[in-house]
């Protein structure tokens, strides 16, 4: 997954290098594109329940009307939680005493619908994202690792705004979101039935 994340950063660099500078607040009133840093707060996620800022979000859409846009999104996030030394059940007859590092990586992607309340330099909106979510659950302990890769359904309502304060086509994006995915895992004594998160995104808007 490291190579996949590197592709996102390369795509971002090409995108920024190719942005035209125009004398208006927004490059196109018919479309938008957001690139964000993402902060995630798990809600009682048993496998990894630590807030994390290791994420990014990419999304774009086309306005079918003045207010309603449809488009797509993809984002990724990694959270890590350390567990102090404890007894780990490896099987009904085998156990180990060790500390642990839980790593949870998620990659949701899919389609979105956005409602823009006003068409102006400051554009508050509400959106709904639906799609699939790929996840990796990894538990590192001593010299071993137990992991599972899972797929699930993803949904995420969101509110935020795009703001274009400068006459060069680049603006600011801020969003608050809730997300839920049906991804599950069962690693040793840790069982996860779905992932619930709150978070925010801060980035640039085109």
N, C-alpha and C. Protein backbone atom coordinates (compact mmCIF):
# COMPACT_ATOMS: atom_id res chain seq x y z
N UNK A 1 0.82 -1.21 0.00
CA UNK A 1 0.00 0.00 0.00
C UNK A 1 0.85 1.26 0.00
N UNK A 2 2.16 1.12 0.35
CA UNK A 2 3.03 2.29 0.35
C UNK A 2 3.16 2.86 -1.05
N UNK A 3 3.31 1.99 -2.06
CA UNK A 3 3.43 2.46 -3.44
C UNK A 3 2.17 3.16 -3.89
N UNK A 4 1.00 2.69 -3.44
CA UNK A 4 -0.26 3.33 -3.80
C UNK A 4 -0.33 4.74 -3.22
N UNK A 5 0.10 4.89 -1.98
CA UNK A 5 0.10 6.21 -1.36
C UNK A 5 1.07 7.16 -2.08
N UNK A 6 2.22 6.63 -2.52
CA UNK A 6 3.17 7.47 -3.26
C UNK A 6 2.56 7.96 -4.57
N UNK A 7 1.73 7.16 -5.21
CA UNK A 7 1.06 7.59 -6.44
C UNK A 7 0.17 8.79 -6.19
N UNK A 8 -0.49 8.84 -5.03
CA UNK A 8 -1.35 9.97 -4.71
C UNK A 8 -0.53 11.26 -4.62
N UNK A 9 0.63 11.17 -3.96
CA UNK A 9 1.46 12.36 -3.81
C UNK A 9 1.99 12.83 -5.17
N UNK A 10 2.36 11.89 -6.03
CA UNK A 10 2.83 12.25 -7.37
C UNK A 10 1.71 12.91 -8.16
N UNK A 11 0.50 12.35 -8.07
CA UNK A 11 -0.65 12.95 -8.77
C UNK A 11 -0.92 14.36 -8.28
N UNK A 12 -0.77 14.57 -6.98
CA UNK A 12 -0.99 15.91 -6.43
C UNK A 12 0.02 16.90 -6.97
N UNK A 13 1.29 16.50 -7.08
CA UNK A 13 2.32 17.40 -7.61
C UNK A 13 2.05 17.78 -9.06
N UNK A 14 1.66 16.81 -9.89
CA UNK A 14 1.32 17.11 -11.28
C UNK A 14 0.12 18.04 -11.38
N UNK A 15 -0.87 17.82 -10.49
CA UNK A 15 -2.07 18.65 -10.49
C UNK A 15 -1.72 20.09 -10.17
N UNK A 16 -0.92 20.29 -9.13
CA UNK A 16 -0.56 21.65 -8.73
C UNK A 16 0.30 22.34 -9.79
N UNK A 17 1.15 21.56 -10.45
CA UNK A 17 2.01 22.14 -11.48
C UNK A 17 1.23 22.58 -12.71
N UNK A 18 0.09 21.95 -12.94
CA UNK A 18 -0.67 22.23 -14.15
C UNK A 18 -1.84 23.17 -13.98
N UNK A 19 -2.02 23.78 -12.80
CA UNK A 19 -3.15 24.67 -12.56
C UNK A 19 -2.94 26.00 -13.27
N UNK A 20 -3.85 26.42 -14.11
CA UNK A 20 -3.71 27.71 -14.76
C UNK A 20 -4.09 28.84 -13.81
N UNK A 21 -3.44 29.97 -13.98
CA UNK A 21 -3.76 31.14 -13.18
C UNK A 21 -4.67 32.05 -13.98
N UNK A 22 -5.88 32.25 -13.47
CA UNK A 22 -6.86 33.06 -14.18
C UNK A 22 -7.37 34.16 -13.27
N UNK A 23 -7.84 35.24 -13.87
CA UNK A 23 -8.29 36.38 -13.11
C UNK A 23 -9.72 36.29 -12.66
N UNK A 24 -10.09 35.19 -12.00
CA UNK A 24 -11.42 35.06 -11.44
C UNK A 24 -11.32 34.20 -10.19
N UNK A 25 -12.37 34.23 -9.39
CA UNK A 25 -12.29 33.59 -8.09
C UNK A 25 -12.24 32.08 -8.19
N UNK A 26 -12.90 31.47 -9.17
CA UNK A 26 -12.95 30.02 -9.30
C UNK A 26 -12.64 29.64 -10.73
N UNK A 27 -11.86 28.59 -10.92
CA UNK A 27 -11.45 28.20 -12.26
C UNK A 27 -12.66 27.87 -13.13
N UNK A 28 -13.63 27.14 -12.59
CA UNK A 28 -14.84 26.80 -13.34
C UNK A 28 -16.02 26.75 -12.38
N UNK A 29 -17.10 27.44 -12.72
CA UNK A 29 -18.30 27.40 -11.91
C UNK A 29 -19.09 26.12 -12.14
N UNK A 30 -18.75 25.36 -13.19
CA UNK A 30 -19.46 24.13 -13.51
C UNK A 30 -18.86 22.90 -12.85
N UNK A 31 -17.67 23.03 -12.23
CA UNK A 31 -17.03 21.88 -11.63
C UNK A 31 -16.18 22.32 -10.44
N UNK A 32 -15.70 21.35 -9.70
CA UNK A 32 -14.82 21.64 -8.57
C UNK A 32 -13.89 20.46 -8.35
N UNK A 33 -12.79 20.71 -7.64
CA UNK A 33 -11.87 19.65 -7.24
C UNK A 33 -11.24 20.03 -5.92
N UNK A 34 -11.20 19.07 -4.98
CA UNK A 34 -10.62 19.32 -3.66
C UNK A 34 -9.49 18.33 -3.37
N UNK A 35 -8.42 18.83 -2.79
CA UNK A 35 -7.31 18.00 -2.31
C UNK A 35 -7.11 18.37 -0.84
N UNK A 36 -7.23 17.38 0.07
CA UNK A 36 -7.28 17.68 1.49
C UNK A 36 -6.34 16.82 2.32
N UNK A 37 -5.88 17.42 3.41
CA UNK A 37 -5.36 16.67 4.54
C UNK A 37 -6.54 16.22 5.38
N UNK A 38 -6.48 15.02 5.92
CA UNK A 38 -7.63 14.45 6.61
C UNK A 38 -7.25 14.02 8.03
N UNK A 39 -8.09 14.41 9.00
CA UNK A 39 -7.91 14.00 10.40
C UNK A 39 -9.10 13.13 10.79
N UNK A 40 -8.82 11.97 11.39
CA UNK A 40 -9.84 10.97 11.65
C UNK A 40 -9.93 10.66 13.15
N UNK A 41 -11.16 10.61 13.69
CA UNK A 41 -11.39 10.29 15.09
C UNK A 41 -12.27 9.04 15.15
N UNK A 42 -11.72 7.88 15.50
CA UNK A 42 -12.54 6.66 15.58
C UNK A 42 -13.57 6.75 16.70
N UNK A 43 -14.71 6.11 16.48
CA UNK A 43 -15.77 6.05 17.48
C UNK A 43 -15.90 4.60 17.96
N UNK A 44 -15.23 4.30 19.05
CA UNK A 44 -15.29 2.96 19.65
C UNK A 44 -14.89 1.87 18.67
N UNK A 45 -13.80 2.12 17.92
CA UNK A 45 -13.24 1.07 17.07
C UNK A 45 -12.28 0.23 17.90
N UNK A 46 -12.61 -1.01 18.14
CA UNK A 46 -11.86 -1.83 19.09
C UNK A 46 -10.46 -2.18 18.60
N UNK A 47 -10.27 -2.30 17.30
CA UNK A 47 -8.96 -2.71 16.80
C UNK A 47 -7.94 -1.57 16.90
N UNK A 48 -8.34 -0.36 16.52
CA UNK A 48 -7.47 0.81 16.64
C UNK A 48 -8.36 2.02 16.89
N UNK A 49 -8.26 2.59 18.07
CA UNK A 49 -9.19 3.63 18.50
C UNK A 49 -8.48 4.94 18.82
N UNK A 50 -7.43 5.25 18.07
CA UNK A 50 -6.63 6.45 18.31
C UNK A 50 -6.84 7.45 17.17
N UNK A 51 -7.08 8.71 17.51
CA UNK A 51 -7.22 9.75 16.49
C UNK A 51 -5.92 9.90 15.72
N UNK A 52 -6.05 10.19 14.41
CA UNK A 52 -4.86 10.22 13.56
C UNK A 52 -5.02 11.24 12.45
N UNK A 53 -3.91 11.88 12.09
CA UNK A 53 -3.88 12.81 10.97
C UNK A 53 -3.16 12.27 9.75
N UNK A 54 -2.97 10.94 9.69
CA UNK A 54 -2.27 10.32 8.57
C UNK A 54 -3.25 9.97 7.46
N UNK A 55 -3.77 10.99 6.78
CA UNK A 55 -4.72 10.72 5.71
C UNK A 55 -4.81 11.85 4.71
N UNK A 56 -5.31 11.53 3.52
CA UNK A 56 -5.56 12.52 2.48
C UNK A 56 -6.87 12.18 1.77
N UNK A 57 -7.46 13.20 1.15
CA UNK A 57 -8.72 13.04 0.43
C UNK A 57 -8.64 13.74 -0.92
N UNK A 58 -9.17 13.07 -1.95
CA UNK A 58 -9.23 13.64 -3.31
C UNK A 58 -10.66 13.47 -3.81
N UNK A 59 -11.25 14.53 -4.30
CA UNK A 59 -12.60 14.44 -4.83
C UNK A 59 -12.85 15.52 -5.87
N UNK A 60 -13.82 15.25 -6.74
CA UNK A 60 -14.18 16.23 -7.75
C UNK A 60 -15.58 15.96 -8.25
N UNK A 61 -16.19 17.00 -8.83
CA UNK A 61 -17.55 16.83 -9.31
C UNK A 61 -17.92 17.85 -10.36
N UNK A 62 -19.04 17.59 -11.02
CA UNK A 62 -19.57 18.48 -12.06
C UNK A 62 -20.98 18.89 -11.65
N UNK A 63 -21.26 20.18 -11.75
CA UNK A 63 -22.58 20.71 -11.37
C UNK A 63 -23.56 20.53 -12.52
N UNK A 64 -24.53 19.64 -12.29
CA UNK A 64 -25.59 19.43 -13.27
C UNK A 64 -26.54 20.61 -13.31
N UNK A 65 -26.73 21.26 -12.16
CA UNK A 65 -27.49 22.50 -12.04
C UNK A 65 -26.64 23.49 -11.26
N UNK A 66 -27.18 24.64 -10.98
CA UNK A 66 -26.44 25.65 -10.20
C UNK A 66 -26.03 25.11 -8.84
N UNK A 67 -26.86 24.23 -8.27
CA UNK A 67 -26.64 23.80 -6.90
C UNK A 67 -26.22 22.34 -6.74
N UNK A 68 -26.57 21.45 -7.67
CA UNK A 68 -26.38 20.02 -7.50
C UNK A 68 -25.23 19.51 -8.37
N UNK A 69 -24.26 18.86 -7.71
CA UNK A 69 -23.11 18.28 -8.41
C UNK A 69 -23.04 16.79 -8.14
N UNK A 70 -22.54 16.04 -9.10
CA UNK A 70 -22.23 14.62 -8.93
C UNK A 70 -20.76 14.43 -9.28
N UNK A 71 -20.15 13.45 -8.64
CA UNK A 71 -18.73 13.24 -8.89
C UNK A 71 -18.21 11.99 -8.22
N UNK A 72 -16.92 11.97 -7.95
CA UNK A 72 -16.28 10.82 -7.35
C UNK A 72 -15.27 11.24 -6.30
N UNK A 73 -14.85 10.28 -5.49
CA UNK A 73 -13.89 10.56 -4.43
C UNK A 73 -13.02 9.33 -4.18
N UNK A 74 -11.86 9.57 -3.59
CA UNK A 74 -11.01 8.52 -3.06
C UNK A 74 -10.20 9.14 -1.93
N UNK A 75 -10.06 8.44 -0.83
CA UNK A 75 -9.20 8.92 0.24
C UNK A 75 -8.54 7.73 0.93
N UNK A 76 -7.54 8.00 1.73
CA UNK A 76 -6.88 6.95 2.48
C UNK A 76 -6.53 7.45 3.86
N UNK A 77 -6.44 6.52 4.79
CA UNK A 77 -6.10 6.89 6.16
C UNK A 77 -5.41 5.73 6.87
N UNK A 78 -4.47 6.07 7.74
CA UNK A 78 -3.77 5.08 8.55
C UNK A 78 -3.83 5.51 10.01
N UNK A 79 -4.20 4.58 10.88
CA UNK A 79 -4.16 4.85 12.32
C UNK A 79 -3.38 3.73 13.00
N UNK A 80 -2.67 4.10 14.06
CA UNK A 80 -1.84 3.15 14.80
C UNK A 80 -2.15 3.27 16.29
N UNK A 81 -2.26 2.13 16.96
CA UNK A 81 -2.47 2.14 18.40
C UNK A 81 -1.53 1.13 19.05
N UNK A 82 -0.83 1.59 20.10
CA UNK A 82 0.11 0.74 20.82
C UNK A 82 -0.59 0.13 22.03
N UNK A 83 -0.38 -1.16 22.25
CA UNK A 83 -0.92 -1.87 23.40
C UNK A 83 0.27 -2.37 24.24
N UNK A 84 0.26 -2.04 25.51
CA UNK A 84 1.34 -2.46 26.39
C UNK A 84 1.36 -3.98 26.55
N UNK A 85 2.40 -4.48 27.17
CA UNK A 85 2.59 -5.92 27.30
C UNK A 85 1.41 -6.58 28.00
N UNK A 86 0.95 -7.66 27.40
CA UNK A 86 -0.17 -8.42 27.95
C UNK A 86 -0.14 -9.83 27.36
N UNK A 87 -0.97 -10.70 27.88
CA UNK A 87 -1.03 -12.07 27.38
C UNK A 87 -1.94 -12.13 26.16
N UNK A 88 -1.41 -12.70 25.08
CA UNK A 88 -2.14 -12.81 23.81
C UNK A 88 -2.47 -14.27 23.58
N UNK A 89 -3.73 -14.56 23.32
CA UNK A 89 -4.15 -15.93 23.02
C UNK A 89 -3.94 -16.19 21.53
N UNK A 90 -3.01 -17.09 21.22
CA UNK A 90 -2.72 -17.45 19.83
C UNK A 90 -3.58 -18.61 19.36
N UNK A 91 -3.98 -19.46 20.27
CA UNK A 91 -4.85 -20.60 19.96
C UNK A 91 -5.46 -21.06 21.28
N UNK A 92 -6.39 -22.01 21.25
CA UNK A 92 -6.97 -22.49 22.51
C UNK A 92 -5.95 -23.07 23.48
N UNK A 93 -4.80 -23.48 22.98
CA UNK A 93 -3.79 -24.10 23.85
C UNK A 93 -2.46 -23.35 23.86
N UNK A 94 -2.40 -22.17 23.23
CA UNK A 94 -1.12 -21.45 23.12
C UNK A 94 -1.33 -19.97 23.38
N UNK A 95 -0.47 -19.37 24.17
CA UNK A 95 -0.54 -17.94 24.46
C UNK A 95 0.87 -17.35 24.49
N UNK A 96 0.94 -16.03 24.38
CA UNK A 96 2.22 -15.32 24.38
C UNK A 96 2.06 -14.02 25.15
N UNK A 97 3.10 -13.62 25.87
CA UNK A 97 3.09 -12.35 26.58
C UNK A 97 3.95 -11.36 25.82
N UNK A 98 3.31 -10.31 25.28
CA UNK A 98 4.04 -9.35 24.44
C UNK A 98 3.26 -8.05 24.34
N UNK A 99 3.96 -6.98 23.97
CA UNK A 99 3.25 -5.76 23.59
C UNK A 99 2.83 -5.87 22.13
N UNK A 100 2.00 -4.92 21.67
CA UNK A 100 1.45 -5.00 20.32
C UNK A 100 1.37 -3.61 19.69
N UNK A 101 1.40 -3.59 18.36
CA UNK A 101 1.16 -2.38 17.58
C UNK A 101 0.08 -2.71 16.56
N UNK A 102 -1.09 -2.09 16.70
CA UNK A 102 -2.19 -2.30 15.75
C UNK A 102 -2.15 -1.21 14.70
N UNK A 103 -2.21 -1.60 13.45
CA UNK A 103 -2.22 -0.66 12.32
C UNK A 103 -3.45 -0.92 11.47
N UNK A 104 -4.23 0.13 11.25
CA UNK A 104 -5.45 0.03 10.44
C UNK A 104 -5.34 1.01 9.27
N UNK A 105 -5.37 0.46 8.07
CA UNK A 105 -5.32 1.27 6.84
C UNK A 105 -6.65 1.13 6.12
N UNK A 106 -7.26 2.25 5.71
CA UNK A 106 -8.52 2.22 4.97
C UNK A 106 -8.38 3.01 3.68
N UNK A 107 -9.06 2.53 2.64
CA UNK A 107 -9.05 3.16 1.32
C UNK A 107 -10.46 3.14 0.75
N UNK A 108 -11.31 4.11 1.12
CA UNK A 108 -12.65 4.19 0.54
C UNK A 108 -12.64 4.97 -0.78
N UNK A 109 -13.55 4.61 -1.68
CA UNK A 109 -13.70 5.31 -2.95
C UNK A 109 -15.10 5.06 -3.48
N UNK A 110 -15.57 5.98 -4.33
CA UNK A 110 -16.90 5.80 -4.88
C UNK A 110 -17.46 7.08 -5.48
N UNK A 111 -18.78 7.23 -5.39
CA UNK A 111 -19.49 8.35 -6.00
C UNK A 111 -20.02 9.29 -4.92
N UNK A 112 -20.30 10.53 -5.31
CA UNK A 112 -20.82 11.51 -4.37
C UNK A 112 -21.86 12.39 -5.03
N UNK A 113 -22.71 12.96 -4.19
CA UNK A 113 -23.65 14.01 -4.58
C UNK A 113 -23.44 15.18 -3.64
N UNK A 114 -23.31 16.37 -4.20
CA UNK A 114 -23.08 17.59 -3.40
C UNK A 114 -24.15 18.62 -3.72
N UNK A 115 -24.66 19.26 -2.67
CA UNK A 115 -25.61 20.37 -2.84
C UNK A 115 -24.94 21.65 -2.38
N UNK A 116 -24.73 22.58 -3.30
CA UNK A 116 -24.13 23.88 -3.01
C UNK A 116 -25.24 24.89 -2.73
N UNK A 117 -25.23 25.49 -1.54
CA UNK A 117 -26.34 26.35 -1.14
C UNK A 117 -26.36 27.67 -1.90
N UNK A 118 -25.18 28.22 -2.22
CA UNK A 118 -25.11 29.46 -3.00
C UNK A 118 -23.95 29.37 -3.98
N UNK A 119 -24.09 30.03 -5.10
CA UNK A 119 -23.01 30.11 -6.09
C UNK A 119 -22.33 31.46 -5.91
N UNK A 120 -21.23 31.48 -5.17
CA UNK A 120 -20.52 32.71 -4.85
C UNK A 120 -19.07 32.35 -4.51
N UNK A 121 -18.29 33.35 -4.07
CA UNK A 121 -16.92 33.06 -3.66
C UNK A 121 -16.90 32.14 -2.45
N UNK A 122 -17.88 32.28 -1.55
CA UNK A 122 -18.01 31.41 -0.39
C UNK A 122 -19.18 30.47 -0.64
N UNK A 123 -18.90 29.16 -0.70
CA UNK A 123 -19.90 28.17 -1.12
C UNK A 123 -20.08 27.08 -0.06
N UNK A 124 -20.98 27.27 0.91
CA UNK A 124 -21.30 26.18 1.84
C UNK A 124 -22.05 25.07 1.13
N UNK A 125 -21.88 23.85 1.61
CA UNK A 125 -22.50 22.71 0.93
C UNK A 125 -22.77 21.58 1.91
N UNK A 126 -23.59 20.64 1.47
CA UNK A 126 -23.79 19.36 2.13
C UNK A 126 -23.61 18.27 1.08
N UNK A 127 -23.04 17.13 1.49
CA UNK A 127 -22.74 16.08 0.51
C UNK A 127 -22.95 14.71 1.13
N UNK A 128 -23.13 13.73 0.25
CA UNK A 128 -23.21 12.32 0.65
C UNK A 128 -22.30 11.51 -0.26
N UNK A 129 -21.45 10.66 0.36
CA UNK A 129 -20.54 9.81 -0.38
C UNK A 129 -20.91 8.34 -0.14
N UNK A 130 -20.95 7.56 -1.22
CA UNK A 130 -21.25 6.14 -1.15
C UNK A 130 -20.26 5.37 -2.01
N UNK A 131 -19.84 4.20 -1.52
CA UNK A 131 -18.91 3.43 -2.32
C UNK A 131 -18.42 2.19 -1.60
N UNK A 132 -17.21 1.78 -1.95
CA UNK A 132 -16.56 0.61 -1.36
C UNK A 132 -15.39 1.06 -0.50
N UNK A 133 -14.99 0.19 0.43
CA UNK A 133 -13.85 0.50 1.30
C UNK A 133 -12.95 -0.73 1.42
N UNK A 134 -11.70 -0.56 1.04
CA UNK A 134 -10.70 -1.59 1.26
C UNK A 134 -9.97 -1.28 2.57
N UNK A 135 -9.71 -2.30 3.38
CA UNK A 135 -9.03 -2.07 4.66
C UNK A 135 -8.01 -3.16 4.92
N UNK A 136 -6.96 -2.78 5.67
CA UNK A 136 -5.94 -3.71 6.14
C UNK A 136 -5.86 -3.61 7.65
N UNK A 137 -6.08 -4.72 8.34
CA UNK A 137 -5.94 -4.81 9.78
C UNK A 137 -4.66 -5.60 10.07
N UNK A 138 -3.66 -4.96 10.68
CA UNK A 138 -2.39 -5.62 10.97
C UNK A 138 -2.06 -5.49 12.45
N UNK A 139 -1.69 -6.61 13.06
CA UNK A 139 -1.29 -6.65 14.46
C UNK A 139 0.15 -7.14 14.53
N UNK A 140 1.06 -6.25 14.97
CA UNK A 140 2.47 -6.58 15.10
C UNK A 140 2.78 -6.89 16.56
N UNK A 141 3.38 -8.04 16.83
CA UNK A 141 3.72 -8.42 18.20
C UNK A 141 4.99 -9.26 18.17
N UNK A 142 5.94 -8.91 19.02
CA UNK A 142 7.24 -9.56 19.08
C UNK A 142 7.84 -9.53 17.68
N UNK A 143 8.12 -10.68 17.08
CA UNK A 143 8.66 -10.72 15.71
C UNK A 143 7.60 -11.19 14.72
N UNK A 144 6.33 -11.21 15.15
CA UNK A 144 5.26 -11.76 14.32
C UNK A 144 4.29 -10.67 13.88
N UNK A 145 3.46 -11.03 12.89
CA UNK A 145 2.40 -10.13 12.43
C UNK A 145 1.21 -10.98 12.01
N UNK A 146 0.04 -10.61 12.50
CA UNK A 146 -1.21 -11.23 12.05
C UNK A 146 -2.03 -10.15 11.36
N UNK A 147 -2.56 -10.44 10.19
CA UNK A 147 -3.29 -9.42 9.45
C UNK A 147 -4.43 -9.98 8.63
N UNK A 148 -5.35 -9.11 8.29
CA UNK A 148 -6.48 -9.45 7.42
C UNK A 148 -6.77 -8.29 6.49
N UNK A 149 -7.07 -8.58 5.23
CA UNK A 149 -7.52 -7.59 4.25
C UNK A 149 -9.01 -7.79 4.02
N UNK A 150 -9.77 -6.70 4.11
CA UNK A 150 -11.21 -6.82 4.01
C UNK A 150 -11.78 -5.74 3.09
N UNK A 151 -12.95 -6.06 2.49
CA UNK A 151 -13.72 -5.11 1.71
C UNK A 151 -15.06 -4.88 2.40
N UNK A 152 -15.61 -3.67 2.22
CA UNK A 152 -16.91 -3.37 2.81
C UNK A 152 -17.61 -2.24 2.06
N UNK A 153 -18.84 -1.99 2.45
CA UNK A 153 -19.63 -0.87 1.93
C UNK A 153 -19.31 0.38 2.75
N UNK A 154 -19.28 1.54 2.09
CA UNK A 154 -18.87 2.80 2.73
C UNK A 154 -19.92 3.87 2.49
N UNK A 155 -20.23 4.64 3.54
CA UNK A 155 -21.09 5.81 3.40
C UNK A 155 -20.56 6.93 4.29
N UNK A 156 -20.72 8.18 3.84
CA UNK A 156 -20.18 9.30 4.60
C UNK A 156 -20.92 10.60 4.27
N UNK A 157 -21.79 11.07 5.17
CA UNK A 157 -22.35 12.42 5.03
C UNK A 157 -21.33 13.47 5.44
N UNK A 158 -21.43 14.64 4.83
CA UNK A 158 -20.41 15.67 5.02
C UNK A 158 -21.01 17.06 4.86
N UNK A 159 -20.53 18.01 5.65
CA UNK A 159 -20.87 19.43 5.47
C UNK A 159 -19.57 20.22 5.45
N UNK A 160 -19.57 21.30 4.69
CA UNK A 160 -18.36 22.10 4.60
C UNK A 160 -18.54 23.28 3.67
N UNK A 161 -17.41 23.82 3.23
CA UNK A 161 -17.47 24.94 2.29
C UNK A 161 -16.21 24.98 1.43
N UNK A 162 -16.37 25.50 0.23
CA UNK A 162 -15.27 25.96 -0.62
C UNK A 162 -15.28 27.47 -0.60
N UNK A 163 -14.12 28.06 -0.41
CA UNK A 163 -14.01 29.53 -0.32
C UNK A 163 -12.90 29.97 -1.25
N UNK A 164 -13.22 30.92 -2.15
CA UNK A 164 -12.27 31.42 -3.15
C UNK A 164 -12.00 32.90 -2.89
N UNK A 165 -11.11 33.21 -1.95
CA UNK A 165 -10.87 34.62 -1.60
C UNK A 165 -9.90 35.35 -2.52
N UNK A 166 -9.17 34.61 -3.36
CA UNK A 166 -8.15 35.24 -4.20
C UNK A 166 -8.53 35.12 -5.68
N UNK A 167 -8.10 36.09 -6.49
CA UNK A 167 -8.45 36.09 -7.92
C UNK A 167 -7.50 35.24 -8.76
N UNK A 168 -7.16 34.04 -8.30
CA UNK A 168 -6.24 33.19 -9.07
C UNK A 168 -6.77 31.78 -9.29
N UNK A 169 -8.04 31.55 -8.92
CA UNK A 169 -8.64 30.25 -9.16
C UNK A 169 -8.42 29.22 -8.08
N UNK A 170 -7.60 29.50 -7.06
CA UNK A 170 -7.34 28.56 -5.99
C UNK A 170 -8.04 29.03 -4.73
N UNK A 171 -8.71 28.12 -4.04
CA UNK A 171 -9.41 28.48 -2.83
C UNK A 171 -9.10 27.54 -1.68
N UNK A 172 -9.90 27.64 -0.63
CA UNK A 172 -9.74 26.82 0.56
C UNK A 172 -10.95 25.90 0.72
N UNK A 173 -10.71 24.73 1.27
CA UNK A 173 -11.79 23.77 1.52
C UNK A 173 -11.72 23.30 2.96
N UNK A 174 -12.86 23.29 3.63
CA UNK A 174 -12.98 22.76 4.98
C UNK A 174 -14.24 21.92 5.05
N UNK A 175 -14.15 20.73 5.66
CA UNK A 175 -15.31 19.85 5.76
C UNK A 175 -15.26 19.09 7.08
N UNK A 176 -16.45 18.81 7.61
CA UNK A 176 -16.62 17.94 8.76
C UNK A 176 -17.44 16.74 8.29
N UNK A 177 -17.02 15.52 8.66
CA UNK A 177 -17.69 14.35 8.12
C UNK A 177 -17.87 13.26 9.18
N UNK A 178 -18.83 12.40 8.91
CA UNK A 178 -18.99 11.13 9.62
C UNK A 178 -18.87 10.03 8.57
N UNK A 179 -18.23 8.93 8.92
CA UNK A 179 -18.12 7.82 7.98
C UNK A 179 -18.41 6.50 8.67
N UNK A 180 -19.00 5.60 7.90
CA UNK A 180 -19.25 4.24 8.38
C UNK A 180 -18.95 3.27 7.25
N UNK A 181 -18.25 2.20 7.58
CA UNK A 181 -18.02 1.12 6.62
C UNK A 181 -18.28 -0.21 7.30
N UNK A 182 -18.65 -1.20 6.52
CA UNK A 182 -19.03 -2.51 7.06
C UNK A 182 -17.85 -3.45 7.22
N UNK A 183 -16.62 -2.95 7.07
CA UNK A 183 -15.43 -3.81 7.16
C UNK A 183 -15.34 -4.48 8.54
N UNK A 184 -15.00 -5.76 8.52
CA UNK A 184 -14.91 -6.53 9.75
C UNK A 184 -13.58 -7.27 9.81
N UNK A 185 -13.16 -7.57 11.03
CA UNK A 185 -11.98 -8.41 11.20
C UNK A 185 -12.12 -9.21 12.48
N UNK A 186 -11.37 -10.30 12.54
CA UNK A 186 -11.32 -11.13 13.74
C UNK A 186 -9.90 -11.65 13.87
N UNK A 187 -9.08 -10.92 14.63
CA UNK A 187 -7.67 -11.26 14.80
C UNK A 187 -7.42 -11.54 16.27
N UNK A 188 -7.05 -12.77 16.57
CA UNK A 188 -6.82 -13.20 17.95
C UNK A 188 -8.07 -12.90 18.78
N UNK A 189 -7.92 -12.09 19.82
CA UNK A 189 -9.08 -11.77 20.68
C UNK A 189 -9.74 -10.46 20.28
N UNK A 190 -9.34 -9.89 19.13
CA UNK A 190 -9.88 -8.60 18.70
C UNK A 190 -10.88 -8.80 17.57
N UNK A 191 -12.11 -8.36 17.79
CA UNK A 191 -13.17 -8.47 16.79
C UNK A 191 -13.69 -7.08 16.46
N UNK A 192 -13.71 -6.75 15.19
CA UNK A 192 -14.20 -5.45 14.73
C UNK A 192 -15.37 -5.67 13.78
N UNK A 193 -16.53 -5.12 14.14
CA UNK A 193 -17.72 -5.23 13.30
C UNK A 193 -18.12 -3.84 12.79
N UNK A 194 -17.51 -3.43 11.70
CA UNK A 194 -17.78 -2.11 11.15
C UNK A 194 -16.88 -1.04 11.73
N UNK A 195 -16.66 0.02 10.96
CA UNK A 195 -15.79 1.13 11.35
C UNK A 195 -16.59 2.43 11.37
N UNK A 196 -16.60 3.12 12.51
CA UNK A 196 -17.28 4.40 12.66
C UNK A 196 -16.25 5.49 12.96
N UNK A 197 -16.37 6.61 12.25
CA UNK A 197 -15.40 7.69 12.43
C UNK A 197 -16.05 9.06 12.30
N UNK A 198 -15.51 10.02 13.03
CA UNK A 198 -15.75 11.45 12.82
C UNK A 198 -14.43 12.06 12.38
N UNK A 199 -14.51 13.18 11.66
CA UNK A 199 -13.27 13.81 11.27
C UNK A 199 -13.48 15.11 10.54
N UNK A 200 -12.37 15.70 10.13
CA UNK A 200 -12.45 16.92 9.33
C UNK A 200 -11.36 16.89 8.25
N UNK A 201 -11.60 17.67 7.21
CA UNK A 201 -10.67 17.79 6.10
C UNK A 201 -10.35 19.25 5.87
N UNK A 202 -9.10 19.53 5.61
CA UNK A 202 -8.64 20.89 5.34
C UNK A 202 -7.72 20.85 4.14
N UNK A 203 -8.05 21.64 3.12
CA UNK A 203 -7.22 21.58 1.93
C UNK A 203 -7.46 22.72 0.98
N UNK A 204 -7.20 22.45 -0.30
CA UNK A 204 -7.31 23.46 -1.34
C UNK A 204 -8.44 23.09 -2.29
N UNK A 205 -9.05 24.11 -2.86
CA UNK A 205 -10.19 23.94 -3.76
C UNK A 205 -9.88 24.58 -5.10
N UNK A 206 -10.34 23.93 -6.17
CA UNK A 206 -10.16 24.46 -7.53
C UNK A 206 -11.52 24.58 -8.21
